[in-house]
Protein backbone atom coordinates (compact mmCIF):
# COMPACT_ATOMS: atom_id res chain seq x y z
CA MET A 1 80.85 99.93 132.15
CA SER A 2 80.28 102.90 129.82
CA ILE A 3 77.89 102.72 126.88
CA ARG A 4 80.90 103.09 124.57
CA HIS A 5 82.69 100.11 126.12
CA SER A 6 79.49 98.09 126.16
CA VAL A 7 78.91 98.63 122.44
CA PHE A 8 82.51 97.86 121.52
CA GLY A 9 82.60 94.74 123.67
CA ASN A 10 79.34 93.32 122.30
CA ILE A 11 80.43 93.85 118.71
CA ALA A 12 83.81 92.26 119.23
CA MET A 13 82.18 89.26 120.89
CA LEU A 14 79.56 88.84 118.16
CA MET A 15 82.15 88.96 115.37
CA ALA A 16 84.88 86.80 116.94
CA GLY A 17 86.09 84.08 114.57
CA LYS A 18 83.73 84.95 111.73
CA ALA A 19 86.41 85.50 109.07
CA THR A 20 88.58 82.44 109.56
CA PRO A 21 90.41 81.01 106.50
CA ARG A 22 87.98 78.10 106.59
CA GLU A 23 84.92 80.37 106.51
CA VAL A 24 86.42 82.53 103.74
CA GLY A 25 87.18 79.36 101.77
CA ARG A 26 83.64 78.09 102.24
CA ILE A 27 82.22 81.31 100.78
CA LEU A 28 84.67 81.25 97.86
CA ASP A 29 83.76 77.63 97.09
CA ARG A 30 80.29 78.86 96.14
CA LEU A 31 81.80 81.19 93.53
CA SER A 32 83.40 78.33 91.53
CA ILE A 33 86.63 80.19 90.78
CA GLU A 34 88.90 78.74 88.09
CA PRO A 35 92.66 79.44 88.39
CA SER A 36 93.72 81.96 85.76
CA GLY A 37 97.09 80.49 84.83
CA ASN A 38 98.21 84.04 84.14
CA LEU A 39 101.59 83.58 85.77
CA SER A 40 102.57 80.56 83.68
CA THR A 41 104.38 82.93 81.29
CA ILE A 42 105.58 86.45 82.09
CA PRO A 43 107.66 88.03 79.31
CA ASN A 44 109.92 90.80 80.62
CA ASP A 45 108.52 93.18 78.01
CA SER A 46 104.87 92.60 78.90
CA VAL A 47 104.05 92.56 82.60
CA ASN A 48 100.28 92.94 82.91
CA ILE A 49 99.14 95.03 85.84
CA ALA A 50 95.60 95.93 86.99
CA ALA A 51 94.80 98.90 89.22
CA VAL A 52 91.49 98.80 91.06
CA GLN A 53 89.34 101.92 91.20
CA LEU A 54 87.37 100.63 94.16
CA LEU A 55 83.87 101.93 94.81
CA ARG A 56 83.42 102.45 98.56
CA ARG A 57 80.22 100.86 99.79
CA ASP A 58 78.73 99.32 102.90
CA TYR A 59 78.50 95.54 103.23
CA HIS A 60 75.89 93.64 105.21
CA ASN A 61 77.96 90.53 105.91
CA LEU A 62 81.25 88.78 105.20
CA SER A 63 79.89 86.94 102.17
CA GLU A 64 78.86 90.19 100.48
CA TYR A 65 82.30 91.69 101.12
CA ILE A 66 84.15 88.64 99.76
CA THR A 67 81.92 88.48 96.69
CA ASP A 68 82.60 92.12 95.88
CA MET A 69 86.38 91.79 96.33
CA ASN A 70 86.29 88.71 94.12
CA SER A 71 84.50 90.64 91.37
CA TYR A 72 87.48 93.00 91.08
CA VAL A 73 90.07 90.23 91.07
CA ALA A 74 88.09 88.10 88.61
CA ASP A 75 87.70 91.05 86.23
CA ALA A 76 91.43 91.75 86.41
CA ALA A 77 92.35 88.08 85.97
CA ASN A 78 90.14 87.89 82.89
CA ARG A 79 92.22 90.75 81.46
CA ARG A 80 95.32 88.55 81.90
CA ALA A 81 96.62 90.55 84.86
CA HIS A 82 99.68 89.18 86.63
CA ILE A 83 99.08 91.43 89.64
CA VAL A 84 95.95 93.17 90.94
CA CYS A 85 96.47 96.36 92.98
CA PHE A 86 93.99 97.74 95.51
CA PRO A 87 93.86 101.26 97.05
CA ALA A 88 94.62 102.59 100.51
CA PHE A 89 92.20 101.70 103.32
CA THR A 90 90.79 98.66 101.55
CA GLY A 91 91.35 96.82 104.83
CA LEU A 92 88.91 99.08 106.68
CA LEU A 93 85.91 98.13 104.53
CA PRO A 94 84.89 95.16 106.74
CA LEU A 95 84.04 97.70 109.47
CA SER A 96 80.77 98.34 107.62
CA PHE A 97 79.33 94.87 108.27
CA LEU A 98 79.97 94.87 112.01
CA PRO A 99 76.58 94.46 113.75
CA GLN A 100 76.26 97.99 115.16
CA PHE A 101 78.18 99.99 112.56
CA SER A 102 75.27 102.41 112.21
CA GLY A 103 75.71 103.32 115.88
CA ILE A 104 79.45 103.89 115.51
CA LYS A 105 79.26 105.84 112.26
CA PRO A 106 78.23 109.22 113.77
CA GLU A 107 81.23 109.11 116.10
CA ILE A 108 83.76 108.85 113.25
CA GLN A 109 82.18 111.39 110.90
CA ILE A 110 84.09 114.50 109.91
CA ARG A 111 81.96 117.56 110.62
CA GLY A 112 82.81 121.07 109.48
CA GLY A 113 86.44 120.19 108.98
CA ASP A 114 86.80 118.75 112.48
CA SER A 115 88.38 115.30 112.72
CA PRO A 116 86.92 112.54 114.92
CA ASP A 117 88.13 112.19 118.50
CA PRO A 118 91.58 110.49 118.32
CA ALA A 119 90.91 108.65 121.58
CA TYR A 120 87.71 107.20 120.13
CA LEU A 121 89.55 106.08 116.98
CA ARG A 122 92.24 104.41 119.07
CA GLU A 123 89.59 102.62 121.11
CA LEU A 124 87.80 101.58 117.93
CA LEU A 125 91.03 100.01 116.65
CA GLU A 126 91.59 98.21 119.93
CA HIS A 127 88.20 96.50 119.71
CA TYR A 128 87.75 95.98 115.98
CA CYS A 129 91.15 95.66 114.35
CA GLU A 130 91.49 91.90 114.78
CA VAL A 131 88.07 91.24 113.27
CA MET A 132 88.61 93.64 110.37
CA PHE A 133 92.14 92.44 109.73
CA ASP A 134 91.13 88.77 109.63
CA ALA A 135 88.36 89.49 107.11
CA TYR A 136 90.67 91.60 104.95
CA SER A 137 93.86 89.52 105.00
CA ASN A 138 92.21 86.10 104.79
CA THR A 139 90.08 87.27 101.87
CA MET A 140 92.98 88.75 99.89
CA SER A 141 95.21 85.74 100.56
CA ALA A 142 92.52 83.32 99.42
CA LEU A 143 91.69 85.34 96.29
CA ALA A 144 95.35 85.45 95.26
CA ALA A 145 95.59 81.67 95.60
CA ARG A 146 92.24 80.88 93.95
CA HIS A 147 92.89 83.10 90.92
CA GLY A 148 96.62 82.39 90.73
CA VAL A 149 97.72 86.03 90.65
CA TYR A 150 99.69 88.41 92.84
CA ILE A 151 97.59 90.84 94.85
CA MET A 152 98.83 94.12 96.27
CA ALA A 153 96.00 94.32 98.77
CA GLY A 154 96.11 98.07 99.38
CA THR A 155 96.44 99.15 103.01
CA THR A 156 94.80 98.96 106.37
CA VAL A 157 95.23 100.68 109.73
CA TYR A 158 95.52 98.23 112.60
CA LEU A 159 97.28 97.56 115.88
CA ASP A 160 100.56 95.65 115.72
CA SER A 161 101.63 94.71 119.25
CA GLY A 162 99.55 97.63 120.51
CA THR A 163 101.01 100.16 118.06
CA PRO A 164 98.78 101.65 115.31
CA ARG A 165 100.29 101.14 111.87
CA HIS A 166 99.27 102.09 108.35
CA ARG A 167 100.57 99.15 106.31
CA ALA A 168 100.40 97.79 102.76
CA PHE A 169 100.34 94.05 102.00
CA LEU A 170 101.52 91.95 99.05
CA PHE A 171 100.31 88.37 98.51
CA ASP A 172 101.81 85.96 95.98
CA ASN A 173 99.92 83.61 93.69
CA SER A 174 99.96 80.88 96.36
CA GLY A 175 98.24 83.16 98.84
CA GLU A 176 101.38 83.58 100.93
CA LEU A 177 102.34 86.95 102.36
CA ALA A 178 105.15 88.17 100.07
CA GLY A 179 105.83 91.42 101.91
CA THR A 180 104.59 94.46 103.80
CA GLN A 181 105.43 98.15 103.82
CA ASP A 182 104.59 100.70 106.52
CA LYS A 183 103.83 104.30 105.73
CA ILE A 184 107.08 106.23 106.08
CA ALA A 185 105.72 109.72 106.75
CA PRO A 186 102.47 109.68 108.77
CA SER A 187 99.99 112.45 108.05
CA PRO A 188 99.06 114.92 110.82
CA PHE A 189 95.79 113.02 111.27
CA GLU A 190 97.62 109.68 111.63
CA ARG A 191 99.88 111.24 114.23
CA THR A 192 96.91 112.36 116.33
CA PHE A 193 96.11 108.77 117.29
CA GLY A 194 99.73 107.68 117.58
CA ALA A 195 100.35 105.91 114.28
CA SER A 196 103.92 104.67 114.06
CA TYR A 197 106.08 105.34 111.02
CA GLY A 198 108.11 102.90 108.94
CA ASN A 199 111.87 102.89 109.35
CA GLU A 200 112.79 101.14 106.11
CA ILE A 201 111.76 101.01 102.46
CA ALA A 202 111.40 97.48 101.16
CA VAL A 203 111.50 96.15 97.61
CA PHE A 204 110.15 92.78 96.52
CA ASN A 205 111.77 90.69 93.83
CA THR A 206 108.97 88.79 92.10
CA PRO A 207 108.43 87.04 88.76
CA LEU A 208 106.79 90.33 87.72
CA GLY A 209 109.90 92.38 88.37
CA CYS A 210 111.11 94.33 91.39
CA LEU A 211 108.22 96.06 93.17
CA SER A 212 108.00 98.77 95.81
CA MET A 213 104.86 99.80 97.73
CA LEU A 214 104.78 103.47 98.75
CA ILE A 215 101.63 104.47 100.61
CA GLY A 216 99.67 107.64 99.89
CA SER A 217 101.66 110.83 100.36
CA ASP A 218 104.98 108.98 100.69
CA VAL A 219 105.39 109.52 96.94
CA LEU A 220 105.63 113.26 97.58
CA PHE A 221 109.14 112.75 98.93
CA PHE A 222 112.08 112.47 96.54
CA GLU A 223 114.22 110.58 99.07
CA ILE A 224 111.69 107.77 99.65
CA ALA A 225 111.27 106.95 95.96
CA ARG A 226 115.02 107.23 95.34
CA ALA A 227 115.71 104.75 98.15
CA ALA A 228 113.32 102.29 96.46
CA LYS A 229 114.98 102.86 93.08
CA ASN A 230 118.47 102.39 94.53
CA GLN A 231 117.39 98.96 95.79
CA GLY A 232 116.30 97.96 92.31
CA ALA A 233 112.62 98.93 92.17
CA GLN A 234 111.21 98.91 88.64
CA ILE A 235 107.55 99.52 89.55
CA ILE A 236 106.28 101.76 92.36
CA LEU A 237 102.81 100.74 93.53
CA ASN A 238 101.02 103.63 95.24
CA PRO A 239 97.85 102.67 97.14
CA THR A 240 96.23 105.97 97.99
CA ALA A 241 92.97 107.81 98.70
CA PHE A 242 92.17 111.45 97.96
CA ALA A 243 89.58 113.22 100.12
CA GLY A 244 87.61 115.90 98.29
CA ASN A 245 88.05 117.07 94.72
CA TYR A 246 91.00 115.74 92.72
CA THR A 247 92.58 118.68 90.89
CA PRO A 248 95.18 119.05 88.12
CA MET A 249 97.66 120.08 90.82
CA ASP A 250 97.18 116.71 92.53
CA SER A 251 98.01 114.86 89.32
CA ALA A 252 100.97 117.14 88.49
CA GLY A 253 102.98 116.26 91.59
CA GLY A 254 103.80 113.20 93.57
CA LEU A 255 104.01 109.90 91.73
CA THR A 256 104.32 111.29 88.21
CA VAL A 257 107.38 113.32 89.26
CA ARG A 258 108.97 110.38 91.08
CA VAL A 259 108.55 108.28 87.92
CA GLN A 260 110.44 110.80 85.79
CA GLU A 261 113.20 111.26 88.37
CA ASN A 262 113.87 107.56 88.74
CA SER A 263 112.96 106.03 85.36
CA VAL A 264 110.47 103.58 86.85
CA TYR A 265 106.80 102.80 86.30
CA GLY A 266 104.23 104.14 88.78
CA VAL A 267 100.80 102.70 89.50
CA GLN A 268 98.28 104.80 91.46
CA CYS A 269 95.35 102.86 92.95
CA THR A 270 92.38 104.76 94.40
CA MET A 271 89.05 104.45 96.16
CA VAL A 272 86.07 106.51 95.00
CA GLY A 273 82.60 107.36 96.27
CA ASP A 274 80.92 108.76 99.34
CA THR A 275 82.45 107.46 102.55
CA GLY A 276 79.37 108.30 104.60
CA LEU A 277 81.74 109.95 107.06
CA GLY A 278 81.46 113.52 105.79
CA ILE A 279 83.98 113.24 102.93
CA SER A 280 83.93 111.87 99.39
CA MET A 281 86.66 110.61 97.06
CA ASP A 282 86.94 110.99 93.30
CA ALA A 283 90.58 110.52 92.23
CA PRO A 284 91.28 108.24 89.24
CA CYS A 285 93.66 105.33 89.07
CA ALA A 286 96.66 106.03 86.84
CA VAL A 287 99.71 104.36 85.35
CA TYR A 288 102.77 106.54 84.81
CA ALA A 289 105.91 105.89 82.76
CA PRO A 290 109.11 107.77 81.92
CA ASN A 291 108.31 110.36 79.25
CA LYS A 292 110.49 108.55 76.71
CA LEU A 293 107.92 105.73 76.76
CA VAL A 294 104.85 107.97 76.45
CA ARG A 295 103.61 108.33 72.89
CA ALA A 296 101.06 111.08 73.59
CA PRO A 297 101.98 114.59 72.39
CA VAL A 298 101.76 115.96 75.94
CA LYS A 299 104.64 114.46 77.90
CA ASN A 300 103.16 114.30 81.40
CA GLY A 301 104.19 110.71 82.09
CA LEU A 302 100.61 109.45 81.91
CA LEU A 303 100.13 106.12 80.14
CA LEU A 304 96.56 105.37 81.25
CA GLN A 305 93.97 106.82 83.59
CA SER A 306 90.59 105.63 84.87
CA SER A 307 87.48 107.80 84.93
CA GLY A 308 87.61 108.89 88.57
CA HIS A 309 83.81 108.77 88.54
CA THR A 310 81.85 107.08 91.30
CA VAL A 311 81.93 103.65 89.69
CA ALA A 312 83.87 100.45 90.15
CA GLU A 313 86.53 100.21 87.46
CA ILE A 314 89.64 98.24 86.50
CA LEU A 315 92.56 99.98 84.81
CA SER A 316 94.80 97.47 83.04
CA ALA A 317 98.17 98.15 81.44
CA THR A 318 101.12 96.24 80.00
CA LEU A 319 104.53 97.39 81.24
CA ASP A 320 107.81 96.83 79.40
CA LEU A 321 110.53 96.36 82.00
CA GLU A 322 113.22 95.97 79.34
CA ALA A 323 112.40 99.43 78.01
CA ILE A 324 112.89 101.20 81.33
CA SER A 325 116.19 99.37 81.92
CA ASN A 326 117.55 101.05 78.78
CA ILE A 327 116.62 104.60 79.82
CA GLN A 328 119.60 106.66 80.91
CA ASN A 329 119.24 108.49 84.19
CA PRO A 330 119.46 112.22 83.30
CA TYR A 331 121.12 112.96 86.65
CA LEU A 332 123.97 110.52 85.97
CA HIS A 333 124.70 111.32 82.31
CA ASP A 334 125.64 114.97 82.45
CA LYS A 335 127.56 116.31 79.43
CA ASN A 336 129.94 118.22 81.71
CA PRO A 337 132.33 115.53 83.08
CA ALA A 338 134.10 117.92 85.47
CA LEU A 339 130.80 119.03 87.02
CA LEU A 340 129.59 115.45 87.24
CA ASP A 341 132.79 114.27 88.94
CA LYS A 342 132.51 117.06 91.47
CA TYR A 343 128.88 116.48 92.45
CA ILE A 344 128.20 112.81 91.68
CA ASP A 345 128.06 111.79 95.34
CA ARG A 346 125.40 114.39 96.07
CA LEU A 347 123.23 113.25 93.17
CA CYS A 348 123.18 109.55 94.02
């Protein structure tokens, strides 16, 4: 047996069964969480949404991880949030409390622009994904139920029937899985280790309105957001992560453009801080709205934005779903009826 296989096997064996629903519940019992009652009343003109600017850090054990995740949800619930939204790769954070993470870390670092060995990453997923996924999903499910809020749990990369997937998860206020969404357009890096791509765009009808989860760079594509809109999406949730410096060009494209094109709200959720893997992240969370609903003099679609600094932060906003339902789509209300009749099918 190789050293690599020996290390992987020992870790998987040591961690087996550690993040069961019962164990997660036992840890949460110590936190004395009171249900928020936030979903008892949800006016259509005031849906309260919280976007987590999550500070990436290492955890020493499951209890430390659960306590930190609870701190974000509790903060958001105290702000009367109906839904709490986490960033991309939140589900990979439990990797840091695996017993020999310090020995694995050098193998997955990015050095001089070179990506880690795809075969190593695939092998890492094969040995760790079940442990990480149990910690992540059982924690988010339990927090949604304990606080009585919806949680868009961000994303994780894991093996589904042997196939790597980058997937977002939505839990309802009972802790039940309300829906999932796979990344539609894998990045070149995701393709190197064989990540599958999603073949449909889902929307989720909830008491908070109709939601869509578009992962990372999927919001760069007009067609993906339009497909969500055509199915009734009112809010696009975008769990994402930006490596390196976040520039004005990053904020000028993507989600903010999709929001204007489709007359929907957009919520960008990010992770910040040093990954310890050779890259850092500093993009802010943001809430975007159609320009007609933005009161600021500069009409860039931005309602609110977090600091983007290396700190844990909650961005909370109230969204008026009635207001966006009254906004006319500029592509379908052309003042030239003959032109519109000729090209309507191409615009829809």
